[in-house]
């Protein structure tokens, strides 16, 4: 019997990390990698949306047509020019609601705010995997998850080639699952520019 997997993509976090690295993520390849032959229960992509930006509608339609359930929230524009649409609560609630049907939860984000969510999902007996840009991922998050994949190590993950000096393309995959089902603490991980947060 296969493993049931749920995939939860923090699109904003992924977008800004990719932008810093000078790359564009292939969302179809990302979903293929995250599922890896397991039984996909649901793939959710969480994104802020600017109602005045028609090109975002095309992106959302693309995600929907390629296996993602898209959860949107209107962005808030501040007087300072800052734009924000926080969907952390939506990610946490959806993951907790689906946890009883999952063997594996895959989070695509580097946001350290999800540390408590990782623990809560693991306490339900669910293996927790993380995919993100190591350089912009919380050390605490990396240390908590059962398996971390540096996104740059996934073949064909970037639509526009390699990275522009930001994220090193190195084989950084960490699996903390021991044979007896216990988790070990991960060593401190240092990339060329360090791991953020």
C-alpha atoms as a PDB file:
ATOM      1  CA  UNK A   1       0.000   0.000   0.000  1.00  0.00           C
ATOM      2  CA  UNK A   2       1.329   3.458  -0.960  1.00  0.00           C
ATOM      3  CA  UNK A   3       1.865   6.427   1.279  1.00  0.00           C
ATOM      4  CA  UNK A   4      -0.657   9.269   1.271  1.00  0.00           C
ATOM      5  CA  UNK A   5       0.998  12.652   0.776  1.00  0.00           C
ATOM      6  CA  UNK A   6      -0.227  16.231   1.022  1.00  0.00           C
ATOM      7  CA  UNK A   7       1.731  19.121  -0.498  1.00  0.00           C
ATOM      8  CA  UNK A   8       1.435  22.673   0.833  1.00  0.00           C
ATOM      9  CA  UNK A   9       3.152  25.456  -1.116  1.00  0.00           C
ATOM     10  CA  UNK A  10       3.692  28.914   0.385  1.00  0.00           C
ATOM     11  CA  UNK A  11       3.786  30.626  -3.021  1.00  0.00           C
ATOM     12  CA  UNK A  12       4.812  34.037  -1.701  1.00  0.00           C
ATOM     13  CA  UNK A  13       7.746  32.633   0.274  1.00  0.00           C
ATOM     14  CA  UNK A  14       8.819  30.507  -2.687  1.00  0.00           C
ATOM     15  CA  UNK A  15       8.429  33.361  -5.172  1.00  0.00           C
ATOM     16  CA  UNK A  16      10.570  35.837  -3.194  1.00  0.00           C
ATOM     17  CA  UNK A  17      13.252  33.246  -2.429  1.00  0.00           C
ATOM     18  CA  UNK A  18      13.412  32.317  -6.120  1.00  0.00           C
ATOM     19  CA  UNK A  19      13.499  35.978  -7.119  1.00  0.00           C
ATOM     20  CA  UNK A  20      16.471  36.548  -4.781  1.00  0.00           C
ATOM     21  CA  UNK A  21      18.253  33.623  -6.432  1.00  0.00           C
ATOM     22  CA  UNK A  22      17.400  34.883  -9.935  1.00  0.00           C
ATOM     23  CA  UNK A  23      15.387  31.807 -10.912  1.00  0.00           C
ATOM     24  CA  UNK A  24      11.817  30.771 -11.706  1.00  0.00           C
ATOM     25  CA  UNK A  25      10.429  27.593 -10.181  1.00  0.00           C
ATOM     26  CA  UNK A  26       8.748  24.974 -12.359  1.00  0.00           C
ATOM     27  CA  UNK A  27       5.612  24.241 -10.289  1.00  0.00           C
ATOM     28  CA  UNK A  28       4.794  21.077 -12.254  1.00  0.00           C
ATOM     29  CA  UNK A  29       8.237  19.612 -11.566  1.00  0.00           C
ATOM     30  CA  UNK A  30       7.926  20.688  -7.919  1.00  0.00           C
ATOM     31  CA  UNK A  31       4.709  18.702  -7.532  1.00  0.00           C
ATOM     32  CA  UNK A  32       6.231  15.678  -9.276  1.00  0.00           C
ATOM     33  CA  UNK A  33       9.176  15.760  -6.888  1.00  0.00           C
ATOM     34  CA  UNK A  34       7.067  16.293  -3.758  1.00  0.00           C
ATOM     35  CA  UNK A  35       4.852  13.296  -4.531  1.00  0.00           C
ATOM     36  CA  UNK A  36       7.579  10.942  -5.877  1.00  0.00           C
ATOM     37  CA  UNK A  37       5.331   7.958  -6.597  1.00  0.00           C
ATOM     38  CA  UNK A  38       3.240   8.377  -3.466  1.00  0.00           C
ATOM     39  CA  UNK A  39      -0.543   8.794  -3.478  1.00  0.00           C
ATOM     40  CA  UNK A  40      -1.373  12.498  -3.658  1.00  0.00           C
ATOM     41  CA  UNK A  41      -4.307  13.376  -1.433  1.00  0.00           C
ATOM     42  CA  UNK A  42      -4.144  17.110  -2.089  1.00  0.00           C
ATOM     43  CA  UNK A  43      -1.712  19.751  -3.326  1.00  0.00           C
ATOM     44  CA  UNK A  44      -2.493  23.260  -2.106  1.00  0.00           C
ATOM     45  CA  UNK A  45      -0.879  26.487  -3.284  1.00  0.00           C
ATOM     46  CA  UNK A  46      -1.406  29.536  -1.080  1.00  0.00           C
ATOM     47  CA  UNK A  47      -0.992  32.934  -2.663  1.00  0.00           C
ATOM     48  CA  UNK A  48      -1.849  36.569  -2.233  1.00  0.00           C
ATOM     49  CA  UNK A  49      -3.636  38.160  -5.148  1.00  0.00           C
ATOM     50  CA  UNK A  50      -3.837  41.725  -6.366  1.00  0.00           C
ATOM     51  CA  UNK A  51      -7.358  42.193  -7.790  1.00  0.00           C
ATOM     52  CA  UNK A  52      -5.918  44.851 -10.138  1.00  0.00           C
ATOM     53  CA  UNK A  53      -3.328  42.474 -11.649  1.00  0.00           C
ATOM     54  CA  UNK A  54      -4.773  40.322 -14.471  1.00  0.00           C
ATOM     55  CA  UNK A  55      -1.527  38.385 -15.025  1.00  0.00           C
ATOM     56  CA  UNK A  56      -1.922  36.805 -11.585  1.00  0.00           C
ATOM     57  CA  UNK A  57      -5.198  35.259 -12.741  1.00  0.00           C
ATOM     58  CA  UNK A  58      -3.293  33.414 -15.481  1.00  0.00           C
ATOM     59  CA  UNK A  59      -0.830  32.075 -12.903  1.00  0.00           C
ATOM     60  CA  UNK A  60      -3.653  30.893 -10.639  1.00  0.00           C
ATOM     61  CA  UNK A  61      -5.411  29.262 -13.599  1.00  0.00           C
ATOM     62  CA  UNK A  62      -2.133  27.537 -14.514  1.00  0.00           C
ATOM     63  CA  UNK A  63      -1.712  26.155 -10.981  1.00  0.00           C
ATOM     64  CA  UNK A  64      -5.340  24.977 -10.898  1.00  0.00           C
ATOM     65  CA  UNK A  65      -4.972  23.240 -14.263  1.00  0.00           C
ATOM     66  CA  UNK A  66      -1.825  21.442 -13.072  1.00  0.00           C
ATOM     67  CA  UNK A  67      -2.982  19.695  -9.924  1.00  0.00           C
ATOM     68  CA  UNK A  68      -3.036  22.421  -7.291  1.00  0.00           C
ATOM     69  CA  UNK A  69      -5.978  23.589  -5.228  1.00  0.00           C
ATOM     70  CA  UNK A  70      -5.289  27.333  -5.064  1.00  0.00           C
ATOM     71  CA  UNK A  71      -6.153  29.251  -1.909  1.00  0.00           C
ATOM     72  CA  UNK A  72      -6.058  33.028  -2.432  1.00  0.00           C
ATOM     73  CA  UNK A  73      -6.270  36.065  -0.234  1.00  0.00           C
ATOM     74  CA  UNK A  74      -6.350  39.664  -1.461  1.00  0.00           C
ATOM     75  CA  UNK A  75      -3.103  41.496  -0.786  1.00  0.00           C
ATOM     76  CA  UNK A  76      -3.008  44.503   1.473  1.00  0.00           C
ATOM     77  CA  UNK A  77      -1.125  47.511   0.119  1.00  0.00           C
ATOM     78  CA  UNK A  78       0.424  49.729   2.763  1.00  0.00           C
ATOM     79  CA  UNK A  79       1.157  53.449   2.359  1.00  0.00           C
ATOM     80  CA  UNK A  80       4.864  52.614   2.580  1.00  0.00           C
ATOM     81  CA  UNK A  81       4.564  50.570  -0.635  1.00  0.00           C
ATOM     82  CA  UNK A  82       4.813  47.288   1.242  1.00  0.00           C
ATOM     83  CA  UNK A  83       2.493  44.519   0.018  1.00  0.00           C
ATOM     84  CA  UNK A  84       1.326  41.699   2.275  1.00  0.00           C
ATOM     85  CA  UNK A  85      -1.064  38.762   2.161  1.00  0.00           C
ATOM     86  CA  UNK A  86      -0.311  36.365   4.996  1.00  0.00           C
ATOM     87  CA  UNK A  87      -1.734  32.877   4.472  1.00  0.00           C
ATOM     88  CA  UNK A  88       0.137  31.108   7.303  1.00  0.00           C
ATOM     89  CA  UNK A  89      -3.107  30.417   9.195  1.00  0.00           C
ATOM     90  CA  UNK A  90      -4.724  28.894   6.103  1.00  0.00           C
ATOM     91  CA  UNK A  91      -1.720  26.616   5.580  1.00  0.00           C
ATOM     92  CA  UNK A  92      -1.715  25.520   9.222  1.00  0.00           C
ATOM     93  CA  UNK A  93      -5.465  24.882   9.401  1.00  0.00           C
ATOM     94  CA  UNK A  94      -5.557  22.931   6.131  1.00  0.00           C
ATOM     95  CA  UNK A  95      -2.555  20.815   7.100  1.00  0.00           C
ATOM     96  CA  UNK A  96      -4.023  19.997  10.517  1.00  0.00           C
ATOM     97  CA  UNK A  97      -7.399  19.105   8.980  1.00  0.00           C
ATOM     98  CA  UNK A  98      -5.776  16.797   6.409  1.00  0.00           C
ATOM     99  CA  UNK A  99      -3.210  15.264   8.794  1.00  0.00           C
ATOM    100  CA  UNK A 100      -5.485  12.364   9.761  1.00  0.00           C
ATOM    101  CA  UNK A 101      -5.485  11.258   6.101  1.00  0.00           C
ATOM    102  CA  UNK A 102      -1.761  11.701   5.487  1.00  0.00           C
ATOM    103  CA  UNK A 103       1.364   9.621   5.968  1.00  0.00           C
ATOM    104  CA  UNK A 104       3.568  12.469   4.696  1.00  0.00           C
ATOM    105  CA  UNK A 105       3.139  16.249   4.683  1.00  0.00           C
ATOM    106  CA  UNK A 106       5.391  18.266   2.366  1.00  0.00           C
ATOM    107  CA  UNK A 107       5.746  21.986   3.068  1.00  0.00           C
ATOM    108  CA  UNK A 108       7.351  24.233   0.477  1.00  0.00           C
ATOM    109  CA  UNK A 109       8.435  27.266   2.485  1.00  0.00           C
ATOM    110  CA  UNK A 110      11.358  28.508   4.521  1.00  0.00           C
ATOM    111  CA  UNK A 111       9.244  30.433   7.027  1.00  0.00           C
ATOM    112  CA  UNK A 112      10.274  29.717  10.618  1.00  0.00           C
ATOM    113  CA  UNK A 113       6.757  30.585  11.790  1.00  0.00           C
ATOM    114  CA  UNK A 114       5.790  27.037  10.788  1.00  0.00           C
ATOM    115  CA  UNK A 115       7.984  25.408  13.461  1.00  0.00           C
ATOM    116  CA  UNK A 116       5.068  24.780  15.834  1.00  0.00           C
ATOM    117  CA  UNK A 117       2.998  23.372  12.959  1.00  0.00           C
ATOM    118  CA  UNK A 118       5.789  20.893  12.165  1.00  0.00           C
ATOM    119  CA  UNK A 119       5.727  19.600  15.750  1.00  0.00           C
ATOM    120  CA  UNK A 120       1.914  19.374  15.837  1.00  0.00           C
ATOM    121  CA  UNK A 121       1.737  17.414  12.574  1.00  0.00           C
ATOM    122  CA  UNK A 122       4.572  15.096  13.629  1.00  0.00           C
ATOM    123  CA  UNK A 123       2.732  14.474  16.922  1.00  0.00           C
ATOM    124  CA  UNK A 124      -0.110  13.065  14.818  1.00  0.00           C
ATOM    125  CA  UNK A 125       2.308  10.471  13.399  1.00  0.00           C
ATOM    126  CA  UNK A 126       2.825  12.205  10.056  1.00  0.00           C
ATOM    127  CA  UNK A 127       6.278  12.366   8.445  1.00  0.00           C
ATOM    128  CA  UNK A 128       7.105  16.013   7.715  1.00  0.00           C
ATOM    129  CA  UNK A 129       9.209  16.958   4.681  1.00  0.00           C
ATOM    130  CA  UNK A 130      10.428  20.413   3.751  1.00  0.00           C
ATOM    131  CA  UNK A 131      11.455  21.713   0.326  1.00  0.00           C
ATOM    132  CA  UNK A 132      12.925  25.196   0.084  1.00  0.00           C
ATOM    133  CA  UNK A 133      15.881  27.414  -0.688  1.00  0.00           C
ATOM    134  CA  UNK A 134      18.258  26.583   2.163  1.00  0.00           C
ATOM    135  CA  UNK A 135      19.774  30.034   2.195  1.00  0.00           C
ATOM    136  CA  UNK A 136      16.427  31.616   3.094  1.00  0.00           C
ATOM    137  CA  UNK A 137      15.102  28.847   5.345  1.00  0.00           C
ATOM    138  CA  UNK A 138      14.881  28.963   9.115  1.00  0.00           C
ATOM    139  CA  UNK A 139      17.499  26.752  10.814  1.00  0.00           C
ATOM    140  CA  UNK A 140      14.875  25.781  13.377  1.00  0.00           C
ATOM    141  CA  UNK A 141      12.581  24.534  10.615  1.00  0.00           C
ATOM    142  CA  UNK A 142      15.348  22.506   8.974  1.00  0.00           C
ATOM    143  CA  UNK A 143      16.252  20.948  12.326  1.00  0.00           C
ATOM    144  CA  UNK A 144      12.654  19.958  13.108  1.00  0.00           C
ATOM    145  CA  UNK A 145      11.546  18.286   9.881  1.00  0.00           C
ATOM    146  CA  UNK A 146      12.054  14.604   9.085  1.00  0.00           C
ATOM    147  CA  UNK A 147      13.526  15.367   5.665  1.00  0.00           C
ATOM    148  CA  UNK A 148      14.835  18.586   4.107  1.00  0.00           C
ATOM    149  CA  UNK A 149      15.500  19.051   0.401  1.00  0.00           C
ATOM    150  CA  UNK A 150      17.421  22.043  -0.917  1.00  0.00           C
ATOM    151  CA  UNK A 151      15.253  22.998  -3.890  1.00  0.00           C
ATOM    152  CA  UNK A 152      18.258  23.639  -6.150  1.00  0.00           C
ATOM    153  CA  UNK A 153      19.133  19.919  -6.009  1.00  0.00           C
ATOM    154  CA  UNK A 154      15.890  18.887  -7.751  1.00  0.00           C
ATOM    155  CA  UNK A 155      16.596  18.177 -11.445  1.00  0.00           C
ATOM    156  CA  UNK A 156      14.863  20.556 -13.871  1.00  0.00           C
ATOM    157  CA  UNK A 157      13.232  22.549 -11.056  1.00  0.00           C
ATOM    158  CA  UNK A 158      14.141  25.932 -12.536  1.00  0.00           C
ATOM    159  CA  UNK A 159      12.394  27.136 -15.677  1.00  0.00           C
ATOM    160  CA  UNK A 160      15.243  29.495 -16.541  1.00  0.00           C
ATOM    161  CA  UNK A 161      18.380  27.529 -15.780  1.00  0.00           C
ATOM    162  CA  UNK A 162      20.583  27.746 -12.744  1.00  0.00           C
ATOM    163  CA  UNK A 163      21.072  30.181  -9.938  1.00  0.00           C
ATOM    164  CA  UNK A 164      22.774  33.539 -10.115  1.00  0.00           C
ATOM    165  CA  UNK A 165      25.252  33.125  -7.287  1.00  0.00           C
ATOM    166  CA  UNK A 166      22.545  33.059  -4.581  1.00  0.00           C
ATOM    167  CA  UNK A 167      21.672  29.469  -3.800  1.00  0.00           C
ATOM    168  CA  UNK A 168      24.454  26.970  -4.277  1.00  0.00           C
ATOM    169  CA  UNK A 169      23.523  23.883  -6.272  1.00  0.00           C
ATOM    170  CA  UNK A 170      24.734  21.276  -3.839  1.00  0.00           C
ATOM    171  CA  UNK A 171      23.384  17.918  -2.780  1.00  0.00           C
ATOM    172  CA  UNK A 172      21.783  19.097   0.426  1.00  0.00           C
ATOM    173  CA  UNK A 173      19.250  16.520   1.481  1.00  0.00           C
ATOM    174  CA  UNK A 174      18.910  15.617   5.104  1.00  0.00           C
ATOM    175  CA  UNK A 175      16.868  12.725   6.389  1.00  0.00           C
ATOM    176  CA  UNK A 176      16.538  12.453  10.160  1.00  0.00           C
ATOM    177  CA  UNK A 177      14.546   9.230  10.249  1.00  0.00           C
ATOM    178  CA  UNK A 178      16.458   6.504  12.066  1.00  0.00           C
ATOM    179  CA  UNK A 179      15.677   2.833  11.565  1.00  0.00           C
ATOM    180  CA  UNK A 180      13.822   2.640  14.885  1.00  0.00           C
ATOM    181  CA  UNK A 181      11.403   5.448  13.987  1.00  0.00           C
ATOM    182  CA  UNK A 182      13.096   7.986  16.238  1.00  0.00           C
ATOM    183  CA  UNK A 183      14.269  11.342  15.011  1.00  0.00           C
ATOM    184  CA  UNK A 184      17.781  12.603  15.484  1.00  0.00           C
ATOM    185  CA  UNK A 185      18.777  16.233  15.813  1.00  0.00           C
ATOM    186  CA  UNK A 186      20.255  17.591  12.635  1.00  0.00           C
ATOM    187  CA  UNK A 187      23.694  19.129  12.677  1.00  0.00           C
ATOM    188  CA  UNK A 188      23.983  22.841  11.988  1.00  0.00           C
ATOM    189  CA  UNK A 189      23.898  23.313   8.236  1.00  0.00           C
ATOM    190  CA  UNK A 190      26.080  25.965   6.708  1.00  0.00           C
ATOM    191  CA  UNK A 191      25.792  26.898   3.071  1.00  0.00           C
ATOM    192  CA  UNK A 192      28.086  29.305   1.291  1.00  0.00           C
ATOM    193  CA  UNK A 193      26.067  32.248   2.576  1.00  0.00           C
ATOM    194  CA  UNK A 194      24.595  30.527   5.690  1.00  0.00           C
ATOM    195  CA  UNK A 195      21.028  29.495   6.306  1.00  0.00           C
ATOM    196  CA  UNK A 196      18.701  32.373   7.109  1.00  0.00           C
ATOM    197  CA  UNK A 197      16.324  33.252   9.931  1.00  0.00           C
END
